[in-house]
C-alpha atoms as a PDB file:
ATOM      1  CA  MET A   1     -21.184 -25.327  17.130  1.00  0.00           C
ATOM      2  CA  ALA A   2     -23.778 -27.658  18.613  1.00  0.00           C
ATOM      3  CA  LEU A   3     -22.868 -31.234  19.410  1.00  0.00           C
ATOM      4  CA  THR A   4     -25.488 -33.951  19.450  1.00  0.00           C
ATOM      5  CA  PHE A   5     -25.086 -37.140  21.458  1.00  0.00           C
ATOM      6  CA  SER A   6     -27.215 -40.197  21.877  1.00  0.00           C
ATOM      7  CA  ASP A   7     -28.626 -40.874  25.353  1.00  0.00           C
ATOM      8  CA  PRO A   8     -25.994 -43.521  26.187  1.00  0.00           C
ATOM      9  CA  GLU A   9     -23.185 -41.216  24.991  1.00  0.00           C
ATOM     10  CA  GLU A  10     -24.555 -38.306  27.004  1.00  0.00           C
ATOM     11  CA  ARG A  11     -24.847 -40.472  30.142  1.00  0.00           C
ATOM     12  CA  ARG A  12     -21.267 -41.669  29.666  1.00  0.00           C
ATOM     13  CA  LEU A  13     -19.982 -38.114  29.208  1.00  0.00           C
ATOM     14  CA  ASN A  14     -21.857 -37.014  32.337  1.00  0.00           C
ATOM     15  CA  GLU A  15     -20.306 -39.913  34.275  1.00  0.00           C
ATOM     16  CA  ILE A  16     -16.858 -38.864  33.080  1.00  0.00           C
ATOM     17  CA  ALA A  17     -17.534 -35.225  33.997  1.00  0.00           C
ATOM     18  CA  ASP A  18     -18.732 -36.267  37.470  1.00  0.00           C
ATOM     19  CA  ARG A  19     -15.606 -38.376  37.998  1.00  0.00           C
ATOM     20  CA  LEU A  20     -13.361 -35.512  36.879  1.00  0.00           C
ATOM     21  CA  ASN A  21     -15.116 -33.174  39.327  1.00  0.00           C
ATOM     22  CA  GLU A  22     -14.561 -35.717  42.131  1.00  0.00           C
ATOM     23  CA  LEU A  23     -10.874 -35.985  41.243  1.00  0.00           C
ATOM     24  CA  ALA A  24     -10.508 -32.195  41.106  1.00  0.00           C
ATOM     25  CA  ALA A  25     -12.066 -31.894  44.584  1.00  0.00           C
ATOM     26  CA  THR A  26      -9.692 -34.574  45.922  1.00  0.00           C
ATOM     27  CA  ILE A  27      -6.625 -32.923  44.406  1.00  0.00           C
ATOM     28  CA  ARG A  28      -7.495 -29.626  46.099  1.00  0.00           C
ATOM     29  CA  GLN A  29      -7.520 -31.248  49.559  1.00  0.00           C
ATOM     30  CA  PRO A  30      -4.415 -30.549  51.676  1.00  0.00           C
ATOM     31  CA  GLY A  31      -2.050 -33.495  51.874  1.00  0.00           C
ATOM     32  CA  THR A  32      -3.197 -35.068  48.616  1.00  0.00           C
ATOM     33  CA  VAL A  33      -0.568 -37.164  46.893  1.00  0.00           C
ATOM     34  CA  ILE A  34      -0.977 -37.787  43.171  1.00  0.00           C
ATOM     35  CA  VAL A  35       0.153 -41.227  42.102  1.00  0.00           C
ATOM     36  CA  SER A  36       0.080 -42.461  38.533  1.00  0.00           C
ATOM     37  CA  THR A  37      -1.732 -45.735  37.987  1.00  0.00           C
ATOM     38  CA  ALA A  38      -0.267 -46.124  34.513  1.00  0.00           C
ATOM     39  CA  PRO A  39       1.675 -49.356  34.081  1.00  0.00           C
ATOM     40  CA  PRO A  40       5.426 -48.918  33.884  1.00  0.00           C
ATOM     41  CA  ASN A  41       6.870 -48.511  30.435  1.00  0.00           C
ATOM     42  CA  ALA A  42       9.612 -50.783  29.127  1.00  0.00           C
ATOM     43  CA  ASN A  43      12.309 -49.160  31.263  1.00  0.00           C
ATOM     44  CA  GLY A  44      10.167 -48.896  34.417  1.00  0.00           C
ATOM     45  CA  ARG A  45      10.259 -45.090  34.586  1.00  0.00           C
ATOM     46  CA  SER A  46       6.563 -44.713  35.393  1.00  0.00           C
ATOM     47  CA  ARG A  47       6.981 -46.942  38.446  1.00  0.00           C
ATOM     48  CA  PHE A  48      10.154 -45.133  39.489  1.00  0.00           C
ATOM     49  CA  LEU A  49       8.513 -41.739  39.022  1.00  0.00           C
ATOM     50  CA  ASP A  50       5.829 -42.663  41.544  1.00  0.00           C
ATOM     51  CA  LEU A  51       8.452 -43.992  43.947  1.00  0.00           C
ATOM     52  CA  ALA A  52      10.578 -40.835  43.620  1.00  0.00           C
ATOM     53  CA  ARG A  53       7.520 -38.666  44.281  1.00  0.00           C
ATOM     54  CA  GLN A  54       6.618 -40.719  47.342  1.00  0.00           C
ATOM     55  CA  LEU A  55      10.142 -40.524  48.745  1.00  0.00           C
ATOM     56  CA  TYR A  56      10.252 -36.766  48.205  1.00  0.00           C
ATOM     57  CA  GLN A  57       6.820 -36.263  49.788  1.00  0.00           C
ATOM     58  CA  LEU A  58       7.709 -38.488  52.758  1.00  0.00           C
ATOM     59  CA  ARG A  59      10.783 -36.325  53.371  1.00  0.00           C
ATOM     60  CA  ARG A  60       8.661 -33.154  53.284  1.00  0.00           C
ATOM     61  CA  ARG A  61       6.181 -34.713  55.729  1.00  0.00           C
ATOM     62  CA  ARG A  62       8.953 -35.723  58.110  1.00  0.00           C
ATOM     63  CA  ILE A  63      10.335 -32.188  58.111  1.00  0.00           C
ATOM     64  CA  ALA A  64       6.842 -30.758  58.652  1.00  0.00           C
ATOM     65  CA  SER A  65       6.236 -33.166  61.540  1.00  0.00           C
ATOM     66  CA  PHE A  66       9.449 -32.286  63.349  1.00  0.00           C
ATOM     67  CA  GLY A  67       9.552 -28.635  62.288  1.00  0.00           C
ATOM     68  CA  ASP A  68      13.300 -28.473  61.688  1.00  0.00           C
ATOM     69  CA  THR A  69      14.704 -28.608  58.156  1.00  0.00           C
ATOM     70  CA  GLU A  70      18.278 -28.848  59.410  1.00  0.00           C
ATOM     71  CA  LEU A  71      17.616 -31.825  61.679  1.00  0.00           C
ATOM     72  CA  PHE A  72      16.815 -34.107  58.733  1.00  0.00           C
ATOM     73  CA  GLY A  73      18.536 -32.137  55.982  1.00  0.00           C
ATOM     74  CA  GLU A  74      19.775 -34.030  52.952  1.00  0.00           C
ATOM     75  CA  PRO A  75      19.828 -31.298  50.306  1.00  0.00           C
ATOM     76  CA  ALA A  76      21.792 -33.330  47.754  1.00  0.00           C
ATOM     77  CA  TRP A  77      19.289 -36.184  47.991  1.00  0.00           C
ATOM     78  CA  ASP A  78      16.344 -33.789  47.721  1.00  0.00           C
ATOM     79  CA  ILE A  79      17.919 -32.263  44.605  1.00  0.00           C
ATOM     80  CA  LEU A  80      18.482 -35.690  43.054  1.00  0.00           C
ATOM     81  CA  LEU A  81      14.879 -36.729  43.767  1.00  0.00           C
ATOM     82  CA  ASP A  82      13.563 -33.446  42.374  1.00  0.00           C
ATOM     83  CA  LEU A  83      15.692 -33.767  39.237  1.00  0.00           C
ATOM     84  CA  TYR A  84      14.645 -37.390  38.726  1.00  0.00           C
ATOM     85  CA  ILE A  85      10.979 -36.443  39.008  1.00  0.00           C
ATOM     86  CA  ALA A  86      11.538 -33.650  36.478  1.00  0.00           C
ATOM     87  CA  HIS A  87      13.464 -35.998  34.175  1.00  0.00           C
ATOM     88  CA  ALA A  88      10.790 -38.695  34.246  1.00  0.00           C
ATOM     89  CA  SER A  89       8.078 -36.065  33.761  1.00  0.00           C
ATOM     90  CA  GLY A  90       9.928 -34.352  30.918  1.00  0.00           C
ATOM     91  CA  ASN A  91      10.163 -30.989  32.707  1.00  0.00           C
ATOM     92  CA  PRO A  92      13.190 -28.683  32.700  1.00  0.00           C
ATOM     93  CA  VAL A  93      14.496 -27.442  36.068  1.00  0.00           C
ATOM     94  CA  SER A  94      16.186 -24.086  36.549  1.00  0.00           C
ATOM     95  CA  VAL A  95      18.941 -23.713  39.103  1.00  0.00           C
ATOM     96  CA  THR A  96      16.558 -21.547  41.131  1.00  0.00           C
ATOM     97  CA  SER A  97      13.890 -24.272  41.123  1.00  0.00           C
ATOM     98  CA  ALA A  98      16.450 -26.898  42.136  1.00  0.00           C
ATOM     99  CA  CYS A  99      17.461 -24.690  45.075  1.00  0.00           C
ATOM    100  CA  ILE A 100      13.824 -24.346  46.140  1.00  0.00           C
ATOM    101  CA  GLY A 101      13.328 -28.123  45.809  1.00  0.00           C
ATOM    102  CA  ALA A 102      16.224 -28.708  48.193  1.00  0.00           C
ATOM    103  CA  ALA A 103      14.330 -26.805  50.921  1.00  0.00           C
ATOM    104  CA  VAL A 104      17.500 -25.156  52.218  1.00  0.00           C
ATOM    105  CA  PRO A 105      19.044 -21.697  51.807  1.00  0.00           C
ATOM    106  CA  ALA A 106      20.125 -20.969  48.231  1.00  0.00           C
ATOM    107  CA  THR A 107      23.834 -20.889  49.144  1.00  0.00           C
ATOM    108  CA  THR A 108      23.594 -24.373  50.662  1.00  0.00           C
ATOM    109  CA  ALA A 109      21.690 -25.715  47.655  1.00  0.00           C
ATOM    110  CA  LEU A 110      24.192 -24.146  45.231  1.00  0.00           C
ATOM    111  CA  ARG A 111      27.069 -25.787  47.109  1.00  0.00           C
ATOM    112  CA  HIS A 112      25.342 -29.179  46.802  1.00  0.00           C
ATOM    113  CA  LEU A 113      24.581 -28.586  43.117  1.00  0.00           C
ATOM    114  CA  GLY A 114      28.299 -27.957  42.637  1.00  0.00           C
ATOM    115  CA  GLN A 115      29.200 -31.177  44.443  1.00  0.00           C
ATOM    116  CA  LEU A 116      26.669 -33.181  42.406  1.00  0.00           C
ATOM    117  CA  HIS A 117      28.101 -31.645  39.225  1.00  0.00           C
ATOM    118  CA  ASP A 118      31.660 -32.485  40.308  1.00  0.00           C
ATOM    119  CA  GLU A 119      30.567 -36.098  40.926  1.00  0.00           C
ATOM    120  CA  GLY A 120      29.130 -36.258  37.409  1.00  0.00           C
ATOM    121  CA  LEU A 121      25.561 -36.800  38.610  1.00  0.00           C
ATOM    122  CA  ILE A 122      24.080 -33.610  37.148  1.00  0.00           C
ATOM    123  CA  VAL A 123      24.640 -31.428  34.095  1.00  0.00           C
ATOM    124  CA  ARG A 124      24.258 -27.655  33.834  1.00  0.00           C
ATOM    125  CA  GLU A 125      22.903 -26.227  30.567  1.00  0.00           C
ATOM    126  CA  ASN A 126      22.007 -22.740  29.392  1.00  0.00           C
ATOM    127  CA  ASP A 127      18.292 -22.182  28.857  1.00  0.00           C
ATOM    128  CA  PRO A 128      17.933 -22.015  25.055  1.00  0.00           C
ATOM    129  CA  ARG A 129      15.138 -19.412  25.362  1.00  0.00           C
ATOM    130  CA  ASP A 130      16.760 -17.233  28.038  1.00  0.00           C
ATOM    131  CA  GLN A 131      20.540 -17.118  28.212  1.00  0.00           C
ATOM    132  CA  ARG A 132      20.354 -15.480  31.647  1.00  0.00           C
ATOM    133  CA  ARG A 133      19.002 -18.708  33.103  1.00  0.00           C
ATOM    134  CA  THR A 134      20.690 -22.068  33.637  1.00  0.00           C
ATOM    135  CA  HIS A 135      18.955 -25.434  33.784  1.00  0.00           C
ATOM    136  CA  VAL A 136      20.180 -28.475  35.648  1.00  0.00           C
ATOM    137  CA  ARG A 137      19.321 -32.082  34.900  1.00  0.00           C
ATOM    138  CA  LEU A 138      20.518 -35.522  35.837  1.00  0.00           C
ATOM    139  CA  SER A 139      23.416 -36.789  33.759  1.00  0.00           C
ATOM    140  CA  GLU A 140      23.216 -40.258  32.248  1.00  0.00           C
ATOM    141  CA  LEU A 141      25.260 -41.470  35.232  1.00  0.00           C
ATOM    142  CA  GLY A 142      22.816 -39.737  37.594  1.00  0.00           C
ATOM    143  CA  ILE A 143      19.835 -41.378  35.888  1.00  0.00           C
ATOM    144  CA  GLU A 144      21.510 -44.794  35.973  1.00  0.00           C
ATOM    145  CA  ARG A 145      22.336 -44.517  39.671  1.00  0.00           C
ATOM    146  CA  MET A 146      18.897 -43.222  40.655  1.00  0.00           C
ATOM    147  CA  GLU A 147      17.142 -45.985  38.727  1.00  0.00           C
ATOM    148  CA  ALA A 148      19.463 -48.649  40.113  1.00  0.00           C
ATOM    149  CA  TYR A 149      18.683 -47.378  43.620  1.00  0.00           C
ATOM    150  CA  PHE A 150      14.937 -47.268  42.924  1.00  0.00           C
ATOM    151  CA  ALA A 151      14.993 -50.768  41.464  1.00  0.00           C
ATOM    152  CA  GLU A 152      16.775 -52.065  44.552  1.00  0.00           C
ATOM    153  CA  ILE A 153      14.447 -50.497  47.111  1.00  0.00           C
ATOM    154  CA  ASP A 154      11.352 -51.095  44.993  1.00  0.00           C
ATOM    155  CA  SER A 155      11.870 -54.833  44.911  1.00  0.00           C
ATOM    156  CA  SER A 156      13.273 -55.658  48.318  1.00  0.00           C
ATOM    157  CA  GLY A 157      13.940 -52.590  50.401  1.00  0.00           C
ATOM    158  CA  PRO A 158      12.028 -50.812  53.132  1.00  0.00           C
ATOM    159  CA  PHE A 159       9.948 -48.854  50.599  1.00  0.00           C
ATOM    160  CA  ALA A 160       8.749 -51.866  48.606  1.00  0.00           C
ATOM    161  CA  TRP A 161       5.366 -51.389  50.268  1.00  0.00           C
ATOM    162  CA  VAL A 162       4.946 -47.937  48.621  1.00  0.00           C
ATOM    163  CA  SER A 163       4.813 -49.293  45.088  1.00  0.00           C
ATOM    164  CA  ASN A 164       2.499 -52.131  46.117  1.00  0.00           C
ATOM    165  CA  LEU A 165      -0.225 -49.942  47.643  1.00  0.00           C
ATOM    166  CA  PRO A 166      -3.267 -49.121  45.544  1.00  0.00           C
ATOM    167  CA  ALA A 167      -3.390 -45.416  44.610  1.00  0.00           C
ATOM    168  CA  GLN A 168      -6.473 -44.796  46.764  1.00  0.00           C
ATOM    169  CA  GLN A 169      -4.596 -45.924  49.905  1.00  0.00           C
ATOM    170  CA  ILE A 170      -1.800 -43.390  49.431  1.00  0.00           C
ATOM    171  CA  GLY A 171      -3.885 -40.698  47.766  1.00  0.00           C
ATOM    172  CA  THR A 172      -4.466 -38.565  50.866  1.00  0.00           C
ATOM    173  CA  ALA A 173      -2.197 -38.084  53.847  1.00  0.00           C
ATOM    174  CA  SER A 174      -3.688 -38.575  57.280  1.00  0.00           C
END
């Protein structure tokens, strides 16, 4: 099938293609942080998703800078951030993935998953397509607490600056 475009349409499509190529090159650079520039929806989840991603990435950078995962270990917090990001993105998370996201040995992550479950912050569910696998997600209480925390730090806390930076300023780590 052959498509025919007018000169202005073809120029516009070429501009879009060039911009997409630039973005693809940027994304492939080490240390790139992807931040949505979409306005928050009615419940603010888009804004909180960006904040959760930034907090998670800042934790990974701190660990990389100091080279010791145990020195700054907060596996339960890493799991909650990872599960919030998955929740806001609409992605399921297996127990295995949650353990990897915690950046600690699997036994340590499993212990923290159990504690988070006991506190009512996460829910375990069988994978409907593979009964050998279990998914974890934030419970309604977990979502409420994460969003209350994000709302507090987003408006007045030490990370308020993160949500106020233009995407290009936080797009690539130095």
